[in-house]
Amino acid sequence: MGDLLIKLVLTKTGQTTRTYDNYSTTPRLLNVSHSEAPYSQQAVVVVDNGESDLTSLDLRGYKGVLSYGYTDATAGTKDADMRFYVLGRNPGGSKTTARVRLTSTGDSL
């Protein structure tokens, strides 16, 4: 198996769709941790906010799809998707490296 690919897509009616990953030319997805239980999933996603575009954005109510996959010798292969509602965000990091932490819970949306 090759490198792990992770992508988060956030959508909300009337708002710009936001996509973050760990593999594009400007990867902004820094860390993901999640847990799963029957009828419940939780994830904490850390996104680089160095461009400060997330500083004043209220992400509550966005729907998120978190996708995992891997690369192999021929192409990237997607493995699994998890769907979430974004409950909120907490600023994190330092003055030189701004980060936004998204906390999400969900089941099958």
Protein backbone atom coordinates (compact mmCIF):
# COMPACT_ATOMS: atom_id res chain seq x y z
CA MET A 1 0.00 0.00 0.00
CA GLY A 2 1.15 3.57 -0.64
CA ASP A 3 0.61 6.96 0.97
CA LEU A 4 -2.58 7.69 2.91
CA LEU A 5 -4.89 10.21 1.21
CA ILE A 6 -7.40 12.18 3.28
CA LYS A 7 -9.93 14.70 2.01
CA LEU A 8 -12.60 16.77 3.78
CA VAL A 9 -15.37 18.43 1.75
CA LEU A 10 -17.65 20.89 3.59
CA THR A 11 -20.94 22.02 2.01
CA LYS A 12 -23.81 24.25 3.09
CA THR A 13 -26.71 25.54 1.00
CA GLY A 14 -25.96 29.05 -0.23
CA GLN A 15 -22.29 28.89 0.81
CA THR A 16 -19.04 28.14 -1.00
CA THR A 17 -18.03 24.46 -0.92
CA ARG A 18 -14.72 24.08 0.91
CA THR A 19 -12.29 21.22 0.22
CA TYR A 20 -9.20 20.37 2.28
CA ASP A 21 -6.77 17.50 1.75
CA ASN A 22 -3.28 16.25 2.58
CA TYR A 23 -2.08 15.55 -0.98
CA SER A 24 -2.69 18.54 -3.30
CA THR A 25 -0.02 21.08 -4.26
CA THR A 26 -1.15 23.19 -1.27
CA PRO A 27 -2.21 20.63 1.34
CA ARG A 28 -4.10 22.22 4.23
CA LEU A 29 -5.39 19.15 6.07
CA LEU A 30 -2.88 18.67 8.88
CA ASN A 31 -4.36 16.05 11.20
CA VAL A 32 -7.45 13.85 11.56
CA SER A 33 -8.58 11.74 14.48
CA HIS A 34 -11.93 10.03 14.74
CA SER A 35 -13.85 7.40 16.66
CA GLU A 36 -16.81 5.28 15.68
CA ALA A 37 -19.60 3.62 17.65
CA PRO A 38 -23.01 2.32 16.62
CA TYR A 39 -25.03 5.26 15.25
CA SER A 40 -22.34 7.74 16.19
CA GLN A 41 -19.09 9.02 14.72
CA GLN A 42 -16.87 11.82 15.94
CA ALA A 43 -13.94 13.47 14.23
CA VAL A 44 -11.52 16.25 14.98
CA VAL A 45 -9.91 17.71 11.87
CA VAL A 46 -7.08 20.24 12.01
CA VAL A 47 -6.87 22.53 8.98
CA ASP A 48 -4.03 24.96 8.28
CA ASN A 49 -5.43 28.48 8.50
CA GLY A 50 -2.24 30.27 7.50
CA GLU A 51 -4.15 32.27 4.89
CA SER A 52 -6.61 33.40 7.64
CA ASP A 53 -9.58 32.65 5.36
CA LEU A 54 -11.25 30.56 8.08
CA THR A 55 -10.74 33.01 10.94
CA SER A 56 -14.17 34.67 10.74
CA LEU A 57 -16.04 31.87 8.95
CA ASP A 58 -18.76 30.17 10.99
CA LEU A 59 -18.67 26.53 9.91
CA ARG A 60 -21.52 25.34 12.16
CA GLY A 61 -24.22 23.62 10.14
CA TYR A 62 -21.95 22.64 7.27
CA LYS A 63 -22.17 19.02 6.17
CA GLY A 64 -18.82 17.31 5.86
CA VAL A 65 -17.65 14.23 4.00
CA LEU A 66 -14.34 12.80 5.20
CA SER A 67 -12.73 10.45 2.66
CA TYR A 68 -9.80 8.11 3.20
CA GLY A 69 -7.80 6.33 0.54
CA TYR A 70 -4.28 5.46 -0.54
CA THR A 71 -1.99 5.71 -3.52
CA ASP A 72 -0.48 2.75 -5.27
CA ALA A 73 1.81 2.27 -8.26
CA THR A 74 -0.97 3.02 -10.75
CA ALA A 75 -3.34 5.59 -9.23
CA GLY A 76 -5.02 6.90 -6.10
CA THR A 77 -7.74 4.68 -4.72
CA LYS A 78 -10.51 5.93 -2.46
CA ASP A 79 -11.33 3.63 0.44
CA ALA A 80 -14.13 4.98 2.66
CA ASP A 81 -16.34 8.02 3.23
CA MET A 82 -17.81 9.26 6.52
CA ARG A 83 -20.49 11.96 6.72
CA PHE A 84 -20.70 14.56 9.48
CA TYR A 85 -22.35 17.76 10.58
CA VAL A 86 -19.90 20.38 11.76
CA LEU A 87 -20.72 21.37 15.34
CA GLY A 88 -18.14 24.14 15.67
CA ARG A 89 -14.52 25.12 15.45
CA ASN A 90 -11.88 26.16 17.91
CA PRO A 91 -8.87 28.20 16.87
CA GLY A 92 -5.61 26.46 17.61
CA GLY A 93 -1.93 26.60 16.77
CA SER A 94 0.31 29.59 17.34
CA LYS A 95 0.71 33.12 15.99
CA THR A 96 3.00 31.83 13.24
CA THR A 97 0.94 28.73 12.34
CA ALA A 98 -2.78 29.35 12.58
CA ARG A 99 -5.00 26.27 12.61
CA VAL A 100 -8.72 25.66 12.79
CA ARG A 101 -10.05 22.64 14.65
CA LEU A 102 -13.38 21.22 13.44
CA THR A 103 -15.35 18.97 15.76
CA SER A 104 -17.97 16.87 14.03
CA THR A 105 -20.42 14.16 14.94
CA GLY A 106 -22.69 12.23 12.66
CA ASP A 107 -24.33 9.09 11.52
CA SER A 108 -25.67 8.37 8.05
CA LEU A 109 -26.84 11.81 6.88
